[in-house]
Structure formats: C-alpha cells, structure tokens
Amino acid sequence: MDFLRSWLSGMIGAALFCALAEELTPRGPVRRVQKGLCGVVLAASFLLPLLRADLPELPLFLAQNREAAAAAAQGAAAAGEQLSRRSIEAQLAAYILDKARSLGAPADGAAVTVRWSTAGVWYPVAAEIDGPYDEALSDAIEGELGIAKADQTWRRDEGG
C-alpha cells in the first residue's frame, strides 16, 4: 500500500510540476520543447517506481486483494440469496391472502417459509395463517402450493 501511495504522489507531483511549467513558458518553440520534456518527466515518474518496486511483495499484495474480493463477492451472493428468499416468501404470503379473499375465508395475514431445493429453486414448506381454520383455503394451499396440511399453522387471535 505504501508503494501505491508513493507512486501516486510522485505522479501527482510530476503532473503539477508540468502544469506549472506549461503556464510559465511563453508560446513558441520553447513551449514545444518544454512539452516534450514534461512528457519525459511524466513517463519517468510513471515507470521508475515500477522498476524499483520490491517485486516479492507484489504477489502477497495481489493475493490479499484477491481474497478480499472473493469474500466480498461471497457476501454479495449471500445477501442476494436472502433477498430472493424474502421476496418469494412475501409473494407466496400475498398469494395465500388473495386466495383467502377469493374463497371468502377470514384471514388477516399469512407467512410462508421456503427452503432451497437440490434443483436450485426456493420451494414452500410451511405456512402460518392469521385467522380461523378454513377447509377450502387449506385445501387450496396444499393443492396449489404443495404445503401439506400438517405444515399449515392456523392462528386465531382470541383477544379481539
């Protein structure tokens, strides 16, 4: 990291020096020579640190960054998987509520649990319905979503 910092500061210093020299040089053949010399200075400030670099440290630096990049990619994949899972669970819960409305079943809310299959997709394994048990809705959940009646939980809030 120190190598990159010193390399960049050298490049910035050379660029500032060349910009200042260009502003102070009058137009004409002298300025053309000055531009050529600035090009050489910038090229030298770019190449000399690379030629003096401690190359044994470079593979270690690259390996550390490769590991950090792999960890970041894995974290992003896990976050994407969780987002996909939550989205599918929310869509299935909304489907159950829509089905309840169409069947006239009293349901105030629903939650669905999904699992990852060996085929590489999320599939529903359990449902929790806020409302009294309704045979027609239970049959629809089992038949259309594949959630067995044993995996359906019906909750009725007795307090309200």
N, C-alpha and C. Protein backbone atom coordinates (compact mmCIF):
# COMPACT_ATOMS: atom_id res chain seq x y z
N MET A 1 0.82 -1.18 0.00
CA MET A 1 0.00 0.00 0.00
C MET A 1 0.87 1.25 0.00
N ASP A 2 1.97 1.19 0.74
CA ASP A 2 2.89 2.33 0.75
C ASP A 2 3.45 2.58 -0.65
N PHE A 3 3.70 1.48 -1.36
CA PHE A 3 4.21 1.61 -2.72
C PHE A 3 3.23 2.39 -3.59
N LEU A 4 1.95 2.04 -3.51
CA LEU A 4 0.94 2.73 -4.32
C LEU A 4 0.82 4.20 -3.92
N ARG A 5 0.87 4.45 -2.63
CA ARG A 5 0.77 5.83 -2.16
C ARG A 5 1.93 6.68 -2.67
N SER A 6 3.15 6.16 -2.57
CA SER A 6 4.30 6.93 -3.04
C SER A 6 4.30 7.06 -4.56
N TRP A 7 3.84 6.04 -5.25
CA TRP A 7 3.78 6.08 -6.71
C TRP A 7 2.78 7.15 -7.16
N LEU A 8 1.61 7.16 -6.55
CA LEU A 8 0.60 8.15 -6.91
C LEU A 8 1.03 9.57 -6.55
N SER A 9 1.67 9.74 -5.39
CA SER A 9 2.11 11.08 -5.02
C SER A 9 3.20 11.57 -5.96
N GLY A 10 4.06 10.68 -6.44
CA GLY A 10 5.08 11.06 -7.43
C GLY A 10 4.45 11.47 -8.75
N MET A 11 3.43 10.73 -9.17
CA MET A 11 2.74 11.05 -10.42
C MET A 11 2.03 12.41 -10.30
N ILE A 12 1.38 12.63 -9.18
CA ILE A 12 0.66 13.90 -8.98
C ILE A 12 1.65 15.06 -8.92
N GLY A 13 2.77 14.87 -8.22
CA GLY A 13 3.78 15.92 -8.15
C GLY A 13 4.35 16.26 -9.52
N ALA A 14 4.63 15.24 -10.32
CA ALA A 14 5.17 15.47 -11.66
C ALA A 14 4.14 16.18 -12.53
N ALA A 15 2.88 15.80 -12.41
CA ALA A 15 1.83 16.44 -13.21
C ALA A 15 1.67 17.90 -12.81
N LEU A 16 1.71 18.19 -11.51
CA LEU A 16 1.62 19.58 -11.06
C LEU A 16 2.82 20.41 -11.54
N PHE A 17 4.01 19.81 -11.47
CA PHE A 17 5.21 20.50 -11.95
C PHE A 17 5.08 20.83 -13.43
N CYS A 18 4.63 19.87 -14.22
CA CYS A 18 4.49 20.08 -15.67
C CYS A 18 3.42 21.13 -15.97
N ALA A 19 2.31 21.12 -15.23
CA ALA A 19 1.26 22.11 -15.45
C ALA A 19 1.76 23.51 -15.14
N LEU A 20 2.51 23.65 -14.05
CA LEU A 20 3.06 24.94 -13.68
C LEU A 20 4.09 25.41 -14.71
N ALA A 21 4.94 24.50 -15.16
CA ALA A 21 5.95 24.85 -16.16
C ALA A 21 5.28 25.29 -17.46
N GLU A 22 4.20 24.64 -17.84
CA GLU A 22 3.50 25.00 -19.08
C GLU A 22 2.89 26.39 -18.97
N GLU A 23 2.35 26.73 -17.82
CA GLU A 23 1.76 28.05 -17.63
C GLU A 23 2.81 29.17 -17.65
N LEU A 24 3.99 28.85 -17.17
CA LEU A 24 5.03 29.87 -17.09
C LEU A 24 5.86 30.00 -18.37
N THR A 25 5.76 29.05 -19.27
CA THR A 25 6.56 29.06 -20.51
C THR A 25 5.82 29.84 -21.59
N PRO A 26 6.52 30.78 -22.26
CA PRO A 26 5.86 31.54 -23.34
C PRO A 26 5.60 30.64 -24.56
N ARG A 27 4.65 31.07 -25.39
CA ARG A 27 4.31 30.32 -26.59
C ARG A 27 5.49 30.36 -27.56
N GLY A 28 5.53 29.32 -28.40
CA GLY A 28 6.58 29.29 -29.41
C GLY A 28 7.37 27.99 -29.31
N PRO A 29 8.59 28.00 -29.90
CA PRO A 29 9.38 26.77 -29.94
C PRO A 29 9.84 26.32 -28.55
N VAL A 30 10.00 27.25 -27.64
CA VAL A 30 10.42 26.87 -26.28
C VAL A 30 9.33 26.04 -25.60
N ARG A 31 8.08 26.40 -25.84
CA ARG A 31 6.97 25.67 -25.22
C ARG A 31 6.89 24.25 -25.78
N ARG A 32 7.19 24.07 -27.07
CA ARG A 32 7.16 22.72 -27.66
C ARG A 32 8.23 21.84 -27.02
N VAL A 33 9.41 22.42 -26.79
CA VAL A 33 10.48 21.67 -26.13
C VAL A 33 10.07 21.34 -24.69
N GLN A 34 9.47 22.32 -24.02
CA GLN A 34 9.02 22.13 -22.65
C GLN A 34 7.99 21.01 -22.57
N LYS A 35 7.05 20.95 -23.52
CA LYS A 35 6.04 19.88 -23.53
C LYS A 35 6.69 18.53 -23.71
N GLY A 36 7.70 18.45 -24.56
CA GLY A 36 8.42 17.19 -24.76
C GLY A 36 9.12 16.75 -23.48
N LEU A 37 9.78 17.72 -22.80
CA LEU A 37 10.46 17.40 -21.55
C LEU A 37 9.46 16.97 -20.47
N CYS A 38 8.31 17.62 -20.43
CA CYS A 38 7.27 17.22 -19.45
C CYS A 38 6.78 15.81 -19.73
N GLY A 39 6.67 15.45 -20.99
CA GLY A 39 6.28 14.08 -21.33
C GLY A 39 7.28 13.08 -20.81
N VAL A 40 8.57 13.40 -20.93
CA VAL A 40 9.63 12.52 -20.41
C VAL A 40 9.56 12.44 -18.89
N VAL A 41 9.33 13.59 -18.22
CA VAL A 41 9.23 13.61 -16.76
C VAL A 41 8.05 12.77 -16.30
N LEU A 42 6.90 12.91 -16.95
CA LEU A 42 5.72 12.11 -16.57
C LEU A 42 5.96 10.63 -16.80
N ALA A 43 6.59 10.29 -17.93
CA ALA A 43 6.88 8.87 -18.20
C ALA A 43 7.85 8.32 -17.16
N ALA A 44 8.85 9.11 -16.79
CA ALA A 44 9.81 8.66 -15.78
C ALA A 44 9.13 8.49 -14.42
N SER A 45 8.25 9.42 -14.07
CA SER A 45 7.57 9.32 -12.78
C SER A 45 6.61 8.13 -12.76
N PHE A 46 6.18 7.70 -13.91
CA PHE A 46 5.31 6.53 -14.01
C PHE A 46 6.13 5.23 -13.95
N LEU A 47 7.26 5.18 -14.66
CA LEU A 47 8.00 3.93 -14.82
C LEU A 47 9.04 3.68 -13.74
N LEU A 48 9.73 4.69 -13.27
CA LEU A 48 10.81 4.46 -12.32
C LEU A 48 10.37 3.76 -11.04
N PRO A 49 9.26 4.14 -10.44
CA PRO A 49 8.85 3.40 -9.23
C PRO A 49 8.55 1.93 -9.52
N LEU A 50 8.05 1.63 -10.71
CA LEU A 50 7.79 0.23 -11.05
C LEU A 50 9.09 -0.56 -11.17
N LEU A 51 10.13 0.10 -11.71
CA LEU A 51 11.41 -0.58 -11.87
C LEU A 51 12.10 -0.79 -10.53
N ARG A 52 11.84 0.08 -9.56
CA ARG A 52 12.46 -0.02 -8.23
C ARG A 52 11.60 -0.80 -7.24
N ALA A 53 10.43 -1.22 -7.66
CA ALA A 53 9.49 -1.87 -6.74
C ALA A 53 10.06 -3.19 -6.23
N ASP A 54 9.68 -3.50 -4.99
CA ASP A 54 10.07 -4.77 -4.38
C ASP A 54 9.08 -5.82 -4.88
N LEU A 55 9.45 -6.51 -5.93
CA LEU A 55 8.53 -7.44 -6.58
C LEU A 55 8.12 -8.62 -5.72
N PRO A 56 8.92 -9.10 -4.77
CA PRO A 56 8.42 -10.19 -3.93
C PRO A 56 7.19 -9.81 -3.12
N GLU A 57 6.97 -8.54 -2.80
CA GLU A 57 5.79 -8.11 -2.05
C GLU A 57 4.54 -8.06 -2.92
N LEU A 58 4.73 -7.91 -4.22
CA LEU A 58 3.60 -7.77 -5.13
C LEU A 58 2.68 -8.98 -5.13
N PRO A 59 3.19 -10.22 -5.23
CA PRO A 59 2.27 -11.37 -5.19
C PRO A 59 1.48 -11.46 -3.88
N LEU A 60 2.12 -11.11 -2.76
CA LEU A 60 1.42 -11.13 -1.48
C LEU A 60 0.29 -10.10 -1.48
N PHE A 61 0.59 -8.90 -1.97
CA PHE A 61 -0.42 -7.85 -2.07
C PHE A 61 -1.58 -8.29 -2.95
N LEU A 62 -1.28 -8.88 -4.10
CA LEU A 62 -2.32 -9.34 -5.01
C LEU A 62 -3.15 -10.47 -4.41
N ALA A 63 -2.50 -11.37 -3.69
CA ALA A 63 -3.22 -12.48 -3.06
C ALA A 63 -4.17 -11.98 -1.99
N GLN A 64 -3.72 -11.01 -1.19
CA GLN A 64 -4.59 -10.45 -0.15
C GLN A 64 -5.80 -9.76 -0.77
N ASN A 65 -5.58 -9.03 -1.84
CA ASN A 65 -6.70 -8.37 -2.51
C ASN A 65 -7.63 -9.36 -3.18
N ARG A 66 -7.09 -10.44 -3.71
CA ARG A 66 -7.92 -11.47 -4.33
C ARG A 66 -8.82 -12.12 -3.28
N GLU A 67 -8.26 -12.40 -2.09
CA GLU A 67 -9.06 -12.98 -1.00
C GLU A 67 -10.16 -12.02 -0.55
N ALA A 68 -9.82 -10.74 -0.45
CA ALA A 68 -10.81 -9.75 -0.04
C ALA A 68 -11.92 -9.64 -1.08
N ALA A 69 -11.55 -9.69 -2.35
CA ALA A 69 -12.55 -9.62 -3.42
C ALA A 69 -13.45 -10.85 -3.40
N ALA A 70 -12.87 -12.02 -3.16
CA ALA A 70 -13.68 -13.26 -3.10
C ALA A 70 -14.65 -13.20 -1.92
N ALA A 71 -14.18 -12.70 -0.78
CA ALA A 71 -15.05 -12.60 0.39
C ALA A 71 -16.19 -11.61 0.13
N ALA A 72 -15.88 -10.51 -0.54
CA ALA A 72 -16.92 -9.52 -0.86
C ALA A 72 -17.94 -10.11 -1.83
N ALA A 73 -17.47 -10.86 -2.81
CA ALA A 73 -18.38 -11.49 -3.78
C ALA A 73 -19.27 -12.52 -3.10
N GLN A 74 -18.69 -13.28 -2.18
CA GLN A 74 -19.48 -14.29 -1.47
C GLN A 74 -20.54 -13.63 -0.58
N GLY A 75 -20.17 -12.54 0.07
CA GLY A 75 -21.13 -11.80 0.89
C GLY A 75 -22.26 -11.23 0.05
N ALA A 76 -21.93 -10.73 -1.13
CA ALA A 76 -22.96 -10.18 -2.02
C ALA A 76 -23.89 -11.29 -2.51
N ALA A 77 -23.33 -12.47 -2.80
CA ALA A 77 -24.16 -13.59 -3.24
C ALA A 77 -25.12 -14.02 -2.13
N ALA A 78 -24.62 -14.07 -0.90
CA ALA A 78 -25.47 -14.47 0.23
C ALA A 78 -26.57 -13.44 0.45
N ALA A 79 -26.24 -12.16 0.34
CA ALA A 79 -27.24 -11.12 0.50
C ALA A 79 -28.30 -11.21 -0.59
N GLY A 80 -27.88 -11.49 -1.81
CA GLY A 80 -28.81 -11.64 -2.92
C GLY A 80 -29.72 -12.84 -2.72
N GLU A 81 -29.16 -13.91 -2.19
CA GLU A 81 -29.95 -15.11 -1.92
C GLU A 81 -31.01 -14.83 -0.87
N GLN A 82 -30.64 -14.12 0.19
CA GLN A 82 -31.60 -13.78 1.24
C GLN A 82 -32.69 -12.86 0.71
N LEU A 83 -32.31 -11.91 -0.13
CA LEU A 83 -33.29 -11.00 -0.72
C LEU A 83 -34.27 -11.78 -1.59
N SER A 84 -33.76 -12.71 -2.38
CA SER A 84 -34.61 -13.55 -3.22
C SER A 84 -35.55 -14.38 -2.36
N ARG A 85 -35.03 -14.95 -1.30
CA ARG A 85 -35.85 -15.78 -0.41
C ARG A 85 -36.98 -14.96 0.20
N ARG A 86 -36.65 -13.79 0.72
CA ARG A 86 -37.68 -12.95 1.34
C ARG A 86 -38.73 -12.52 0.33
N SER A 87 -38.30 -12.22 -0.87
CA SER A 87 -39.23 -11.80 -1.91
C SER A 87 -40.20 -12.93 -2.25
N ILE A 88 -39.69 -14.13 -2.38
CA ILE A 88 -40.54 -15.28 -2.71
C ILE A 88 -41.50 -15.57 -1.56
N GLU A 89 -41.00 -15.51 -0.32
CA GLU A 89 -41.89 -15.72 0.83
C GLU A 89 -43.00 -14.69 0.86
N ALA A 90 -42.67 -13.44 0.58
CA ALA A 90 -43.69 -12.37 0.58
C ALA A 90 -44.70 -12.59 -0.54
N GLN A 91 -44.25 -13.00 -1.70
CA GLN A 91 -45.17 -13.24 -2.82
C GLN A 91 -46.11 -14.40 -2.52
N LEU A 92 -45.59 -15.46 -1.91
CA LEU A 92 -46.43 -16.61 -1.57
C LEU A 92 -47.45 -16.24 -0.48
N ALA A 93 -47.02 -15.44 0.49
CA ALA A 93 -47.96 -14.99 1.53
C ALA A 93 -49.06 -14.14 0.92
N ALA A 94 -48.71 -13.26 -0.01
CA ALA A 94 -49.71 -12.43 -0.68
C ALA A 94 -50.67 -13.32 -1.49
N TYR A 95 -50.13 -14.36 -2.10
CA TYR A 95 -50.97 -15.28 -2.87
C TYR A 95 -52.00 -15.95 -1.95
N ILE A 96 -51.56 -16.38 -0.77
CA ILE A 96 -52.48 -17.02 0.18
C ILE A 96 -53.58 -16.05 0.59
N LEU A 97 -53.24 -14.81 0.86
CA LEU A 97 -54.25 -13.82 1.24
C LEU A 97 -55.23 -13.54 0.10
N ASP A 98 -54.71 -13.46 -1.13
CA ASP A 98 -55.60 -13.28 -2.29
C ASP A 98 -56.54 -14.47 -2.44
N LYS A 99 -56.01 -15.67 -2.25
CA LYS A 99 -56.82 -16.88 -2.35
C LYS A 99 -57.88 -16.89 -1.26
N ALA A 100 -57.51 -16.46 -0.05
CA ALA A 100 -58.47 -16.40 1.05
C ALA A 100 -59.60 -15.44 0.71
N ARG A 101 -59.27 -14.27 0.14
CA ARG A 101 -60.31 -13.31 -0.24
C ARG A 101 -61.22 -13.91 -1.30
N SER A 102 -60.63 -14.58 -2.28
CA SER A 102 -61.46 -15.14 -3.36
C SER A 102 -62.37 -16.26 -2.86
N LEU A 103 -61.94 -16.96 -1.81
CA LEU A 103 -62.75 -18.04 -1.25
C LEU A 103 -63.67 -17.56 -0.13
N GLY A 104 -63.52 -16.31 0.26
CA GLY A 104 -64.32 -15.77 1.36
C GLY A 104 -63.86 -16.25 2.72
N ALA A 105 -62.61 -16.69 2.82
CA ALA A 105 -62.07 -17.18 4.09
C ALA A 105 -61.53 -16.01 4.90
N PRO A 106 -61.82 -15.97 6.19
CA PRO A 106 -61.32 -14.87 7.03
C PRO A 106 -59.85 -15.08 7.39
N ALA A 107 -58.96 -14.36 6.72
CA ALA A 107 -57.52 -14.43 7.02
C ALA A 107 -56.98 -13.00 7.05
N ASP A 108 -56.33 -12.65 8.15
CA ASP A 108 -55.78 -11.30 8.32
C ASP A 108 -54.33 -11.20 7.89
N GLY A 109 -53.65 -12.30 7.81
CA GLY A 109 -52.24 -12.29 7.44
C GLY A 109 -51.75 -13.69 7.14
N ALA A 110 -50.59 -13.76 6.52
CA ALA A 110 -50.00 -15.06 6.21
C ALA A 110 -48.49 -14.92 6.15
N ALA A 111 -47.81 -16.00 6.48
CA ALA A 111 -46.36 -16.06 6.36
C ALA A 111 -46.01 -17.43 5.79
N VAL A 112 -45.02 -17.45 4.92
CA VAL A 112 -44.62 -18.70 4.28
C VAL A 112 -43.13 -18.89 4.51
N THR A 113 -42.74 -20.13 4.78
CA THR A 113 -41.33 -20.49 4.91
C THR A 113 -40.93 -21.30 3.69
N VAL A 114 -39.79 -20.95 3.11
CA VAL A 114 -39.30 -21.67 1.93
C VAL A 114 -37.94 -22.29 2.23
N ARG A 115 -37.59 -23.31 1.44
CA ARG A 115 -36.28 -23.97 1.53
C ARG A 115 -35.67 -24.05 0.15
N TRP A 116 -34.34 -24.16 0.12
CA TRP A 116 -33.60 -24.28 -1.13
C TRP A 116 -33.60 -25.74 -1.55
N SER A 117 -33.99 -26.02 -2.78
CA SER A 117 -34.05 -27.39 -3.26
C SER A 117 -32.75 -27.77 -3.97
N THR A 118 -32.57 -29.07 -4.18
CA THR A 118 -31.40 -29.54 -4.92
C THR A 118 -31.48 -29.14 -6.38
N ALA A 119 -32.68 -28.78 -6.84
CA ALA A 119 -32.87 -28.32 -8.22
C ALA A 119 -32.47 -26.86 -8.38
N GLY A 120 -32.16 -26.20 -7.26
CA GLY A 120 -31.70 -24.82 -7.32
C GLY A 120 -32.80 -23.77 -7.31
N VAL A 121 -33.90 -24.08 -6.64
CA VAL A 121 -35.00 -23.12 -6.53
C VAL A 121 -35.53 -23.13 -5.10
N TRP A 122 -36.21 -22.04 -4.72
CA TRP A 122 -36.88 -21.98 -3.43
C TRP A 122 -38.25 -22.62 -3.57
N TYR A 123 -38.63 -23.44 -2.59
CA TYR A 123 -39.97 -24.03 -2.61
C TYR A 123 -40.60 -23.90 -1.23
N PRO A 124 -41.93 -23.73 -1.18
CA PRO A 124 -42.61 -23.53 0.11
C PRO A 124 -42.70 -24.84 0.90
N VAL A 125 -42.43 -24.72 2.22
CA VAL A 125 -42.51 -25.91 3.08
C VAL A 125 -43.48 -25.74 4.24
N ALA A 126 -43.80 -24.50 4.61
CA ALA A 126 -44.71 -24.29 5.74
C ALA A 126 -45.43 -22.96 5.55
N ALA A 127 -46.62 -22.89 6.14
CA ALA A 127 -47.41 -21.65 6.08
C ALA A 127 -48.04 -21.40 7.43
N GLU A 128 -48.12 -20.13 7.77
CA GLU A 128 -48.79 -19.71 9.00
C GLU A 128 -49.84 -18.68 8.60
N ILE A 129 -51.09 -18.98 8.91
CA ILE A 129 -52.19 -18.13 8.51
C ILE A 129 -52.83 -17.52 9.76
N ASP A 130 -52.98 -16.19 9.74
CA ASP A 130 -53.64 -15.50 10.85
C ASP A 130 -55.14 -15.48 10.58
N GLY A 131 -55.83 -16.38 11.20
CA GLY A 131 -57.27 -16.49 11.03
C GLY A 131 -57.74 -17.87 11.43
N PRO A 132 -59.04 -18.05 11.52
CA PRO A 132 -59.57 -19.37 11.88
C PRO A 132 -59.37 -20.36 10.74
N TYR A 133 -59.29 -21.63 11.10
CA TYR A 133 -59.09 -22.68 10.10
C TYR A 133 -60.22 -22.65 9.08
N ASP A 134 -59.83 -22.76 7.80
CA ASP A 134 -60.81 -22.80 6.72
C ASP A 134 -60.43 -23.97 5.82
N GLU A 135 -61.33 -24.94 5.69
CA GLU A 135 -61.05 -26.16 4.94
C GLU A 135 -60.74 -25.87 3.47
N ALA A 136 -61.51 -25.01 2.83
CA ALA A 136 -61.29 -24.71 1.42
C ALA A 136 -59.94 -24.04 1.19
N LEU A 137 -59.58 -23.09 2.05
CA LEU A 137 -58.28 -22.43 1.90
C LEU A 137 -57.15 -23.40 2.18
N SER A 138 -57.32 -24.25 3.18
CA SER A 138 -56.30 -25.25 3.49
C SER A 138 -56.08 -26.19 2.32
N ASP A 139 -57.19 -26.61 1.69
CA ASP A 139 -57.07 -27.48 0.51
C ASP A 139 -56.37 -26.76 -0.63
N ALA A 140 -56.67 -25.49 -0.82
CA ALA A 140 -56.04 -24.71 -1.90
C ALA A 140 -54.54 -24.55 -1.64
N ILE A 141 -54.16 -24.29 -0.39
CA ILE A 141 -52.74 -24.15 -0.05
C ILE A 141 -52.01 -25.46 -0.31
N GLU A 142 -52.62 -26.54 0.06
CA GLU A 142 -52.00 -27.85 -0.15
C GLU A 142 -51.94 -28.20 -1.64
N GLY A 143 -53.02 -27.96 -2.34
CA GLY A 143 -53.06 -28.34 -3.76
C GLY A 143 -52.25 -27.43 -4.66
N GLU A 144 -52.26 -26.14 -4.41
CA GLU A 144 -51.62 -25.19 -5.32
C GLU A 144 -50.18 -24.86 -4.93
N LEU A 145 -49.88 -24.86 -3.65
CA LEU A 145 -48.52 -24.53 -3.21
C LEU A 145 -47.73 -25.75 -2.75
N GLY A 146 -48.42 -26.86 -2.53
CA GLY A 146 -47.74 -28.08 -2.11
C GLY A 146 -47.37 -28.09 -0.64
N ILE A 147 -48.01 -27.26 0.16
CA ILE A 147 -47.74 -27.24 1.60
C ILE A 147 -48.76 -28.16 2.27
N ALA A 148 -48.28 -29.25 2.83
CA ALA A 148 -49.16 -30.24 3.46
C ALA A 148 -49.94 -29.60 4.61
N LYS A 149 -51.11 -30.13 4.86
CA LYS A 149 -51.95 -29.59 5.93
C LYS A 149 -51.23 -29.67 7.27
N ALA A 150 -50.40 -30.68 7.45
CA ALA A 150 -49.64 -30.82 8.70
C ALA A 150 -48.64 -29.68 8.87
N ASP A 151 -48.24 -29.03 7.79
CA ASP A 151 -47.27 -27.93 7.83
C ASP A 151 -47.95 -26.56 7.79
N GLN A 152 -49.26 -26.55 7.93
CA GLN A 152 -50.01 -25.29 7.96
C GLN A 152 -50.38 -25.00 9.41
N THR A 153 -50.08 -23.79 9.84
CA THR A 153 -50.43 -23.36 11.20
C THR A 153 -51.48 -22.27 11.09
N TRP A 154 -52.59 -22.49 11.78
CA TRP A 154 -53.70 -21.51 11.77
C TRP A 154 -53.75 -20.84 13.12
N ARG A 155 -53.76 -19.53 13.14
CA ARG A 155 -53.79 -18.79 14.40
C ARG A 155 -55.02 -17.90 14.43
N ARG A 156 -55.73 -18.00 15.47
CA ARG A 156 -56.91 -17.16 15.67
C ARG A 156 -56.65 -16.33 16.90
N ASP A 157 -56.67 -15.00 16.72
CA ASP A 157 -56.46 -14.09 17.86
C ASP A 157 -57.78 -14.04 18.65
N GLU A 158 -57.78 -14.65 19.79
CA GLU A 158 -59.00 -14.72 20.61
C GLU A 158 -59.25 -13.42 21.37
N GLY A 159 -58.25 -12.55 21.45
CA GLY A 159 -58.41 -11.33 22.24
C GLY A 159 -59.22 -10.26 21.54
N GLY A 160 -59.42 -10.33 20.23
CA GLY A 160 -60.10 -9.26 19.54
C GLY A 160 -61.36 -9.71 19.00
